[in-house]
Amino acid sequence: MLKKTIAVACAAAVLAGWGVPMAQAASRATSAVSDVELSWTGWVGWVRITWSETTPSANTISFERDGVAPVQLGTRTTDGANELWVTTSKLAPTDDPADVGRIIVTDSDGGTARSVDFDRYIRTAPSPTLSFTPENGVKWSIPADTSIDTTAGDPLDAGSSRTTYYLELRLNEPPNYLLNCRRVYLNSTYPGALSGVIDKYWSNKPFSITMLSLNAWESARIGGSAEVGGTGLTLTAPAATAHGKPFVLTGRLNDRGIFQTASPPVCQERELGPVANELVVLQARNSGTSPWYVVGTTRSAPTGQYSFSMMNAGTREYRVVVPNTTRAGILSFGGTTASKVVKATTQVVSAKFIAPVLTYGKRPQAYLWVAPGGSQRAALQFRNPNGTWQGLTYKTLYAGRGIATFAWSRRGATPFRWWVPASTTSTGLRVEPVYSGIFTLTVR
């Protein structure tokens, strides 16, 4: 009985002796490293990690996420500082606010300490909604960010209001950065702004839009996109027609856009096809300095063709305008053609001799009737034997008509013509001068 008691006592003593070192080892394993703190540095895109230790130790610093194996970020030697700077790219920025992570610091004995959970959220900007401004700019807007911050108040919280959205425009014009693509970056007006305006400077030029977002976690996250198209527009017009006579203006509408291929992209401004049922506005003005006014509207045919049938009321300048519109969900700039001058020439209704055949000694009577009718002072000319046109007499017309009676002593057939000077219509439009057709007097 005494032996058994002694044995139990010895066993207890041995166990007690073992217990002291084990407790110390456990304490060291759990308390050597602690207080893992996170903060932003003064350098954009860098995070500072610090920790405390009860005794100096070599450390391994890792990034941990639920369901993902930890990723080692760096190490520190026993005599190294308890601090590590890492770039945000190593912490896997994400547009999932529920994806949280933490920093683990491990000492040489396997003891660990963790930081608070933090998200690395940066919103991926959606495709923008586009509309035209009265000044011919393009307004873009995106909806508010409705995501829930699952780690509100964490030390690395960028906050959705600190996200800046900006746009990359690509268009085909110099200077070219990517082959024949020009890239233009437009910032939103202030951090967190959900809308902005693409200045009218870019109007009438097709371009593509890529939305980009920026916050402390990432400098340029590529988001949604949109296209802004343009209008290819032609106009064909006669150079001149007679006053009061009909003429036709014709042209064609084509959709235009930026076509991107390859990587890096090759920007090509292309005609993408005819535009059907588009409003086409014909404008005119009376001189190069007078204001434009509308003289007609029509709609383009399925082939993109359009036409206007006009009566020539006087010399005017014409152009065709297509307003800004939306085609197949894509905002498209309208267009304006180069102007075309269509002259109105005086219309010679009749130019003849009352009696084209006379006996020698009779006085011929040359008749003229023109439109628009006025008091033009017309000149009667004949072709002399040398083949040169020579002035003979003048006649001031009344309401555009007149008869010139003159002496003539040359036998045979002689060609005549009238020259009619320019005039002005009652609406102030110029009518250009004209020569009549040739008519013949025969004297026997």
Protein backbone atom coordinates (compact mmCIF):
# COMPACT_ATOMS: atom_id res chain seq x y z
CA MET A 1 0.00 0.00 0.00
CA LEU A 2 2.78 2.42 0.78
CA LYS A 3 4.50 1.61 -2.53
CA LYS A 4 1.40 2.36 -4.47
CA THR A 5 1.03 5.70 -2.71
CA ILE A 6 4.61 6.62 -3.41
CA ALA A 7 4.21 5.65 -7.08
CA VAL A 8 1.14 7.84 -7.44
CA ALA A 9 2.92 10.73 -5.78
CA CYS A 10 5.92 10.34 -8.07
CA ALA A 11 3.71 10.23 -11.10
CA ALA A 12 1.97 13.40 -9.96
CA ALA A 13 5.30 15.09 -9.41
CA VAL A 14 6.49 14.11 -12.88
CA LEU A 15 3.29 15.34 -14.46
CA ALA A 16 3.56 18.57 -12.50
CA GLY A 17 7.11 19.03 -13.76
CA TRP A 18 5.96 18.52 -17.34
CA GLY A 19 3.07 20.89 -16.95
CA VAL A 20 5.17 24.01 -16.39
CA PRO A 21 7.14 23.92 -19.70
CA MET A 22 4.00 22.95 -21.66
CA ALA A 23 2.07 25.91 -20.31
CA GLN A 24 4.94 28.25 -21.15
CA ALA A 25 5.20 26.89 -24.71
CA ALA A 26 1.45 27.29 -25.25
CA SER A 27 1.60 30.82 -23.91
CA ARG A 28 4.47 31.70 -26.26
CA ALA A 29 2.71 30.14 -29.23
CA THR A 30 -0.40 32.30 -28.76
CA SER A 31 0.98 35.52 -27.36
CA ALA A 32 4.26 36.16 -29.20
CA VAL A 33 2.41 38.05 -31.99
CA SER A 34 -0.74 40.20 -31.64
CA ASP A 35 -2.47 43.46 -32.55
CA VAL A 36 -2.35 43.21 -36.34
CA GLU A 37 -3.25 46.70 -37.57
CA LEU A 38 -3.98 47.95 -41.09
CA SER A 39 -3.80 51.46 -42.54
CA TRP A 40 -3.37 53.32 -45.81
CA THR A 41 0.07 54.71 -46.54
CA GLY A 42 0.85 58.07 -48.07
CA TRP A 43 1.45 56.27 -51.36
CA VAL A 44 -1.55 55.56 -53.57
CA GLY A 45 -2.23 51.85 -53.86
CA TRP A 46 -0.16 50.78 -50.82
CA VAL A 47 -1.35 49.30 -47.50
CA ARG A 48 0.68 49.25 -44.25
CA ILE A 49 0.50 46.17 -42.02
CA THR A 50 1.87 46.35 -38.46
CA TRP A 51 1.81 43.97 -35.48
CA SER A 52 3.11 43.57 -31.94
CA GLU A 53 5.23 40.84 -30.36
CA THR A 54 6.00 39.89 -26.76
CA THR A 55 9.36 38.54 -27.92
CA PRO A 56 11.18 39.15 -31.18
CA SER A 57 10.46 36.52 -33.82
CA ALA A 58 10.70 35.93 -37.51
CA ASN A 59 7.29 36.49 -39.12
CA THR A 60 5.32 35.41 -42.15
CA ILE A 61 2.54 37.69 -43.33
CA SER A 62 -0.33 36.21 -45.38
CA PHE A 63 -3.63 37.25 -46.87
CA GLU A 64 -6.57 35.01 -46.09
CA ARG A 65 -10.06 34.78 -47.60
CA ASP A 66 -12.89 32.41 -46.83
CA GLY A 67 -12.72 29.34 -49.02
CA VAL A 68 -9.39 30.35 -50.57
CA ALA A 69 -5.93 29.18 -49.55
CA PRO A 70 -3.90 31.93 -47.81
CA VAL A 71 -1.48 33.85 -50.02
CA GLN A 72 1.89 34.77 -48.58
CA LEU A 73 2.60 38.50 -48.82
CA GLY A 74 6.06 38.63 -47.28
CA THR A 75 8.35 37.76 -44.36
CA ARG A 76 10.32 39.54 -41.66
CA THR A 77 13.45 38.40 -39.85
CA THR A 78 13.72 38.32 -36.07
CA ASP A 79 15.48 41.66 -35.98
CA GLY A 80 13.28 43.17 -38.73
CA ALA A 81 10.61 45.81 -38.20
CA ASN A 82 7.11 44.62 -37.39
CA GLU A 83 5.77 46.27 -40.52
CA LEU A 84 5.09 45.34 -44.14
CA TRP A 85 3.89 47.46 -47.04
CA VAL A 86 1.98 45.70 -49.81
CA THR A 87 0.30 46.90 -52.99
CA THR A 88 -3.47 46.65 -53.20
CA SER A 89 -3.13 44.39 -56.24
CA LYS A 90 -1.81 41.64 -53.93
CA LEU A 91 -5.00 41.88 -51.89
CA ALA A 92 -7.22 41.04 -54.88
CA PRO A 93 -9.55 44.04 -55.29
CA THR A 94 -13.06 42.90 -56.17
CA ASP A 95 -16.50 44.22 -57.06
CA ASP A 96 -18.08 41.75 -54.60
CA PRO A 97 -18.67 43.58 -51.30
CA ALA A 98 -19.28 40.26 -49.53
CA ASP A 99 -15.82 38.99 -50.40
CA VAL A 100 -13.90 39.81 -47.21
CA GLY A 101 -10.39 38.98 -46.15
CA ARG A 102 -7.94 39.41 -43.30
CA ILE A 103 -4.20 39.54 -42.68
CA ILE A 104 -2.52 36.72 -40.75
CA VAL A 105 0.84 37.24 -39.07
CA THR A 106 2.61 34.03 -37.97
CA ASP A 107 5.69 33.79 -35.75
CA SER A 108 8.47 31.23 -35.91
CA ASP A 109 6.80 29.00 -33.33
CA GLY A 110 3.53 28.85 -35.26
CA GLY A 111 1.69 31.44 -33.21
CA THR A 112 -0.75 33.57 -35.25
CA ALA A 113 -2.70 36.78 -35.02
CA ARG A 114 -5.34 38.10 -37.40
CA SER A 115 -6.46 41.55 -38.41
CA VAL A 116 -10.07 42.59 -38.53
CA ASP A 117 -11.99 41.52 -41.61
CA PHE A 118 -11.98 44.00 -44.49
CA ASP A 119 -13.45 44.15 -47.97
CA ARG A 120 -11.50 45.30 -51.04
CA TYR A 121 -14.53 46.63 -52.85
CA ILE A 122 -14.39 48.72 -56.00
CA ARG A 123 -17.50 49.01 -58.07
CA THR A 124 -17.37 47.95 -61.70
CA ALA A 125 -19.13 50.82 -63.43
CA PRO A 126 -22.16 49.72 -65.49
CA SER A 127 -22.75 50.82 -69.06
CA PRO A 128 -23.85 54.46 -69.06
CA THR A 129 -27.19 55.86 -70.13
CA LEU A 130 -26.63 58.54 -72.77
CA SER A 131 -28.61 61.57 -73.90
CA PHE A 132 -27.96 64.75 -75.86
CA THR A 133 -27.67 68.13 -74.18
CA PRO A 134 -29.13 71.29 -75.75
CA GLU A 135 -25.55 72.38 -76.48
CA ASN A 136 -24.94 69.24 -78.60
CA GLY A 137 -22.88 67.53 -75.91
CA VAL A 138 -23.54 64.02 -74.63
CA LYS A 139 -24.67 63.50 -71.05
CA TRP A 140 -23.76 60.20 -69.42
CA SER A 141 -25.18 58.80 -66.21
CA ILE A 142 -25.04 55.59 -64.22
CA PRO A 143 -27.27 54.43 -61.33
CA ALA A 144 -26.23 54.80 -57.72
CA ASP A 145 -24.24 52.02 -56.09
CA THR A 146 -26.70 49.99 -53.99
CA SER A 147 -24.20 47.46 -52.64
CA ILE A 148 -24.06 46.83 -48.88
CA ASP A 149 -20.80 47.38 -47.03
CA THR A 150 -20.34 44.08 -45.20
CA THR A 151 -17.39 45.36 -43.15
CA ALA A 152 -18.53 48.88 -42.42
CA GLY A 153 -15.87 50.97 -40.74
CA ASP A 154 -12.94 48.68 -41.45
CA PRO A 155 -9.63 50.58 -41.56
CA LEU A 156 -9.26 50.05 -45.32
CA ASP A 157 -12.80 50.98 -46.26
CA ALA A 158 -12.65 53.09 -49.45
CA GLY A 159 -16.36 53.91 -49.39
CA SER A 160 -18.55 53.98 -52.48
CA SER A 161 -18.74 57.79 -52.33
CA ARG A 162 -15.00 57.93 -52.92
CA THR A 163 -15.23 56.03 -56.19
CA THR A 164 -14.50 58.25 -59.17
CA TYR A 165 -15.90 57.31 -62.55
CA TYR A 166 -14.26 58.43 -65.72
CA LEU A 167 -14.57 57.67 -69.40
CA GLU A 168 -12.20 56.54 -72.09
CA LEU A 169 -13.23 57.72 -75.55
CA ARG A 170 -11.79 56.10 -78.64
CA LEU A 171 -12.16 57.79 -81.97
CA ASN A 172 -10.48 57.87 -85.33
CA GLU A 173 -8.55 61.11 -85.44
CA PRO A 174 -5.03 62.31 -84.68
CA PRO A 175 -3.07 62.25 -82.49
CA ASN A 176 -3.15 58.46 -82.58
CA TYR A 177 -2.04 56.40 -79.60
CA LEU A 178 -3.23 52.90 -80.50
CA LEU A 179 -2.61 52.54 -84.21
CA ASN A 180 -5.25 54.92 -85.58
CA CYS A 181 -7.22 55.16 -82.33
CA ARG A 182 -7.13 58.37 -80.38
CA ARG A 183 -7.85 57.91 -76.66
CA VAL A 184 -9.37 60.72 -74.65
CA TYR A 185 -9.94 60.45 -70.90
CA LEU A 186 -12.70 62.48 -69.30
CA ASN A 187 -12.98 62.60 -65.51
CA SER A 188 -16.27 62.94 -63.68
CA THR A 189 -16.73 66.35 -62.13
CA TYR A 190 -16.06 65.22 -58.54
CA PRO A 191 -15.50 61.94 -56.63
CA GLY A 192 -18.68 59.91 -56.49
CA ALA A 193 -20.37 61.83 -59.32
CA LEU A 194 -22.77 59.58 -61.20
CA SER A 195 -23.11 61.74 -64.31
CA GLY A 196 -21.21 64.12 -66.49
CA VAL A 197 -21.14 65.71 -69.94
CA ILE A 198 -18.94 64.88 -72.89
CA ASP A 199 -18.24 68.30 -74.31
CA LYS A 200 -19.70 69.36 -77.64
CA TYR A 201 -16.12 69.48 -78.98
CA TRP A 202 -16.53 65.79 -79.73
CA SER A 203 -19.87 66.24 -81.49
CA ASN A 204 -20.49 64.84 -84.97
CA LYS A 205 -17.67 62.33 -84.51
CA PRO A 206 -18.46 58.67 -83.81
CA PHE A 207 -16.67 57.31 -80.76
CA SER A 208 -16.77 54.43 -78.31
CA ILE A 209 -17.05 54.87 -74.54
CA THR A 210 -15.51 52.63 -71.89
CA MET A 211 -16.43 53.33 -68.27
CA LEU A 212 -13.60 53.17 -65.75
CA SER A 213 -13.76 53.33 -61.96
CA LEU A 214 -11.10 54.44 -59.51
CA ASN A 215 -10.74 54.30 -55.73
CA ALA A 216 -8.03 53.46 -53.22
CA TRP A 217 -8.17 49.79 -54.17
CA GLU A 218 -7.71 50.05 -57.91
CA SER A 219 -6.68 52.80 -60.29
CA ALA A 220 -8.61 51.77 -63.39
CA ARG A 221 -11.24 49.04 -63.29
CA ILE A 222 -12.76 48.53 -66.73
CA GLY A 223 -16.54 48.63 -66.68
CA GLY A 224 -19.42 48.95 -69.10
CA SER A 225 -19.32 50.50 -72.54
CA ALA A 226 -21.46 52.40 -75.01
CA GLU A 227 -21.29 53.68 -78.54
CA VAL A 228 -22.03 57.08 -80.00
CA GLY A 229 -22.60 57.03 -83.73
CA GLY A 230 -22.74 59.64 -86.45
CA THR A 231 -24.47 60.35 -89.71
CA GLY A 232 -22.96 60.25 -93.16
CA LEU A 233 -24.87 62.67 -95.35
CA THR A 234 -24.58 63.67 -99.00
CA LEU A 235 -26.31 66.33 -101.11
CA THR A 236 -26.46 66.66 -104.89
CA ALA A 237 -27.90 69.76 -106.52
CA PRO A 238 -27.88 71.37 -109.97
CA ALA A 239 -25.66 74.39 -110.41
CA ALA A 240 -28.43 76.47 -112.02
CA THR A 241 -31.96 76.19 -113.40
CA ALA A 242 -34.39 78.65 -114.93
CA HIS A 243 -36.42 80.80 -112.58
CA GLY A 244 -39.82 79.30 -111.87
CA LYS A 245 -38.81 75.87 -113.13
CA PRO A 246 -38.69 72.73 -110.93
CA PHE A 247 -35.45 71.09 -109.84
CA VAL A 248 -34.57 68.20 -107.54
CA LEU A 249 -32.13 67.95 -104.62
CA THR A 250 -31.07 64.41 -103.74
CA GLY A 251 -28.80 62.67 -101.27
CA ARG A 252 -28.27 59.69 -99.02
CA LEU A 253 -28.03 58.98 -95.27
CA ASN A 254 -25.62 56.44 -93.82
CA ASP A 255 -25.06 55.33 -90.25
CA ARG A 256 -21.46 55.86 -89.17
CA GLY A 257 -19.59 54.38 -86.25
CA ILE A 258 -16.24 53.32 -84.85
CA PHE A 259 -15.28 49.79 -85.81
CA GLN A 260 -12.57 48.30 -83.59
CA THR A 261 -10.52 45.24 -84.44
CA ALA A 262 -7.39 43.51 -83.17
CA SER A 263 -5.47 44.12 -79.97
CA PRO A 264 -4.48 46.86 -79.60
CA PRO A 265 -7.62 47.95 -81.43
CA VAL A 266 -7.61 49.48 -84.87
CA CYS A 267 -10.21 52.26 -84.92
CA GLN A 268 -11.91 52.65 -88.26
CA GLU A 269 -14.71 55.11 -88.83
CA ARG A 270 -17.07 53.27 -91.12
CA GLU A 271 -20.39 53.63 -92.83
CA LEU A 272 -22.47 50.91 -91.22
CA GLY A 273 -25.42 50.95 -93.60
CA PRO A 274 -28.26 53.11 -94.90
CA VAL A 275 -30.57 54.94 -92.50
CA ALA A 276 -34.28 54.50 -93.23
CA ASN A 277 -37.20 56.68 -92.15
CA GLU A 278 -34.96 59.39 -90.76
CA LEU A 279 -36.13 63.00 -90.61
CA VAL A 280 -34.30 65.12 -93.20
CA VAL A 281 -34.60 68.91 -93.11
CA LEU A 282 -33.84 71.12 -96.11
CA GLN A 283 -32.66 74.63 -95.27
CA ALA A 284 -31.96 77.62 -97.48
CA ARG A 285 -30.57 81.11 -97.17
CA ASN A 286 -30.60 84.08 -99.50
CA SER A 287 -26.91 84.94 -99.26
CA GLY A 288 -23.70 83.77 -97.65
CA THR A 289 -24.29 86.00 -94.62
CA SER A 290 -28.05 85.68 -94.13
CA PRO A 291 -29.67 83.23 -91.69
CA TRP A 292 -30.76 79.72 -92.63
CA TYR A 293 -34.47 78.89 -92.74
CA VAL A 294 -36.42 75.68 -93.32
CA VAL A 295 -37.93 75.14 -96.76
CA GLY A 296 -38.92 71.49 -96.51
CA THR A 297 -38.77 68.19 -94.63
CA THR A 298 -38.93 64.57 -95.71
CA ARG A 299 -38.00 61.05 -94.55
CA SER A 300 -35.29 58.84 -95.93
CA ALA A 301 -36.20 55.74 -97.92
CA PRO A 302 -35.13 52.20 -96.87
CA THR A 303 -32.06 52.68 -99.08
CA GLY A 304 -31.17 55.86 -97.19
CA GLN A 305 -32.03 58.00 -100.22
CA TYR A 306 -34.01 61.23 -99.96
CA SER A 307 -35.12 63.90 -102.41
CA PHE A 308 -36.72 67.34 -102.47
CA SER A 309 -38.61 68.75 -105.46
CA MET A 310 -38.34 72.53 -105.52
CA MET A 311 -39.45 75.44 -107.69
CA ASN A 312 -36.58 77.79 -108.38
CA ALA A 313 -37.71 81.05 -106.77
CA GLY A 314 -34.31 82.71 -107.06
CA THR A 315 -30.64 82.07 -106.41
CA ARG A 316 -30.26 80.48 -102.97
CA GLU A 317 -27.85 78.42 -100.93
CA TYR A 318 -29.14 75.02 -99.75
CA ARG A 319 -28.06 72.49 -97.17
CA VAL A 320 -29.55 69.39 -95.58
CA VAL A 321 -29.65 68.84 -91.82
CA VAL A 322 -30.36 65.62 -89.92
CA PRO A 323 -31.02 66.12 -86.19
CA ASN A 324 -29.45 64.13 -83.37
CA THR A 325 -31.32 60.91 -82.74
CA THR A 326 -31.16 57.39 -81.32
CA ARG A 327 -30.90 54.49 -83.74
CA ALA A 328 -31.27 50.91 -82.55
CA GLY A 329 -30.55 52.03 -79.01
CA ILE A 330 -27.36 53.89 -79.98
CA LEU A 331 -27.09 57.63 -79.65
CA SER A 332 -26.18 59.14 -83.01
CA PHE A 333 -25.09 62.62 -83.89
CA GLY A 334 -26.96 64.20 -86.77
CA GLY A 335 -25.19 65.89 -89.61
CA THR A 336 -25.15 68.87 -91.91
CA THR A 337 -24.06 68.78 -95.53
CA ALA A 338 -21.85 71.31 -97.18
CA SER A 339 -23.96 74.03 -98.75
CA LYS A 340 -24.82 74.05 -102.45
CA VAL A 341 -25.66 77.20 -104.39
CA VAL A 342 -28.44 76.72 -106.95
CA LYS A 343 -28.61 79.72 -109.23
CA ALA A 344 -31.82 80.93 -110.78
CA THR A 345 -31.30 82.15 -114.30
CA THR A 346 -33.79 84.43 -116.01
CA GLN A 347 -36.34 82.33 -117.84
CA VAL A 348 -36.75 83.30 -121.47
CA VAL A 349 -40.37 82.53 -122.24
CA SER A 350 -40.16 83.79 -125.80
CA ALA A 351 -37.48 85.44 -127.97
CA LYS A 352 -38.37 85.91 -131.64
CA PHE A 353 -39.18 88.25 -134.47
CA ILE A 354 -42.81 89.15 -134.92
CA ALA A 355 -42.18 88.56 -138.63
CA PRO A 356 -39.03 86.47 -139.09
CA VAL A 357 -39.04 86.96 -142.87
CA LEU A 358 -39.19 90.48 -144.31
CA THR A 359 -38.78 92.20 -147.63
CA TYR A 360 -35.93 94.61 -147.95
CA GLY A 361 -36.67 98.03 -146.42
CA LYS A 362 -39.16 96.81 -143.80
CA ARG A 363 -38.41 97.52 -140.13
CA PRO A 364 -38.07 94.29 -138.09
CA GLN A 365 -39.62 93.89 -134.64
CA ALA A 366 -37.73 91.75 -132.10
CA TYR A 367 -39.92 90.41 -129.29
CA LEU A 368 -38.83 89.33 -125.79
CA TRP A 369 -40.76 87.85 -122.87
CA VAL A 370 -38.92 86.84 -119.68
CA ALA A 371 -39.70 85.74 -116.14
CA PRO A 372 -39.57 87.06 -113.56
CA GLY A 373 -41.19 89.98 -115.28
CA GLY A 374 -39.78 93.38 -114.46
CA SER A 375 -38.26 96.46 -116.05
CA GLN A 376 -35.03 94.84 -117.17
CA ARG A 377 -33.07 96.70 -119.86
CA ALA A 378 -32.38 93.96 -122.38
CA ALA A 379 -29.80 94.23 -125.16
CA LEU A 380 -30.44 92.94 -128.67
CA GLN A 381 -27.36 91.47 -130.38
CA PHE A 382 -26.62 90.06 -133.83
CA ARG A 383 -23.79 88.01 -135.22
CA ASN A 384 -21.80 89.96 -137.79
CA PRO A 385 -20.14 88.43 -140.86
CA ASN A 386 -16.97 87.83 -138.83
CA GLY A 387 -18.94 85.57 -136.48
CA THR A 388 -18.73 88.00 -133.56
CA TRP A 389 -21.77 89.00 -131.52
CA GLN A 390 -22.40 92.72 -131.75
CA GLY A 391 -24.79 94.94 -129.81
CA LEU A 392 -27.57 96.59 -131.81
CA THR A 393 -30.12 98.23 -129.48
CA TYR A 394 -31.61 98.19 -125.97
CA LYS A 395 -35.18 97.68 -124.85
CA THR A 396 -36.54 98.42 -121.38
CA LEU A 397 -39.13 95.79 -120.63
CA TYR A 398 -42.50 96.30 -119.05
CA ALA A 399 -43.63 93.41 -116.80
CA GLY A 400 -40.93 91.37 -118.49
CA ARG A 401 -42.10 92.01 -122.07
CA GLY A 402 -41.06 94.31 -124.87
CA ILE A 403 -40.67 94.81 -128.62
CA ALA A 404 -37.68 96.52 -130.17
CA THR A 405 -38.25 98.06 -133.64
CA PHE A 406 -35.14 99.02 -135.60
CA ALA A 407 -33.86 99.73 -139.09
CA TRP A 408 -32.12 96.85 -140.91
CA SER A 409 -30.67 96.87 -144.38
CA ARG A 410 -28.79 93.59 -144.64
CA ARG A 411 -30.16 90.95 -146.94
CA GLY A 412 -30.07 87.27 -146.12
CA ALA A 413 -30.37 85.39 -142.84
CA THR A 414 -28.81 86.91 -139.71
CA PRO A 415 -28.73 85.28 -136.23
CA PHE A 416 -29.96 87.39 -133.28
CA ARG A 417 -30.16 86.93 -129.53
CA TRP A 418 -31.19 88.87 -126.45
CA TRP A 419 -29.02 89.45 -123.39
CA VAL A 420 -31.12 89.90 -120.23
CA PRO A 421 -29.40 91.38 -117.15
CA ALA A 422 -29.73 90.11 -113.60
CA SER A 423 -32.76 91.12 -111.58
CA THR A 424 -34.17 90.78 -108.08
CA THR A 425 -37.45 89.09 -107.20
CA SER A 426 -40.09 90.61 -104.96
CA THR A 427 -38.73 88.41 -102.15
CA GLY A 428 -35.24 89.81 -102.57
CA LEU A 429 -33.67 86.84 -104.36
CA ARG A 430 -31.24 87.36 -107.18
CA VAL A 431 -32.01 86.07 -110.67
CA GLU A 432 -28.93 85.63 -112.81
CA PRO A 433 -28.47 87.19 -116.30
CA VAL A 434 -29.03 85.03 -119.35
CA TYR A 435 -28.69 84.93 -123.13
CA SER A 436 -31.76 83.88 -125.04
CA GLY A 437 -31.67 81.20 -127.62
CA ILE A 438 -30.72 82.24 -131.17
CA PHE A 439 -33.51 83.37 -133.48
CA THR A 440 -33.07 84.39 -137.13
CA LEU A 441 -34.19 87.30 -139.28
CA THR A 442 -34.31 86.75 -143.04
CA VAL A 443 -34.48 89.74 -145.36
CA ARG A 444 -35.28 89.21 -149.07
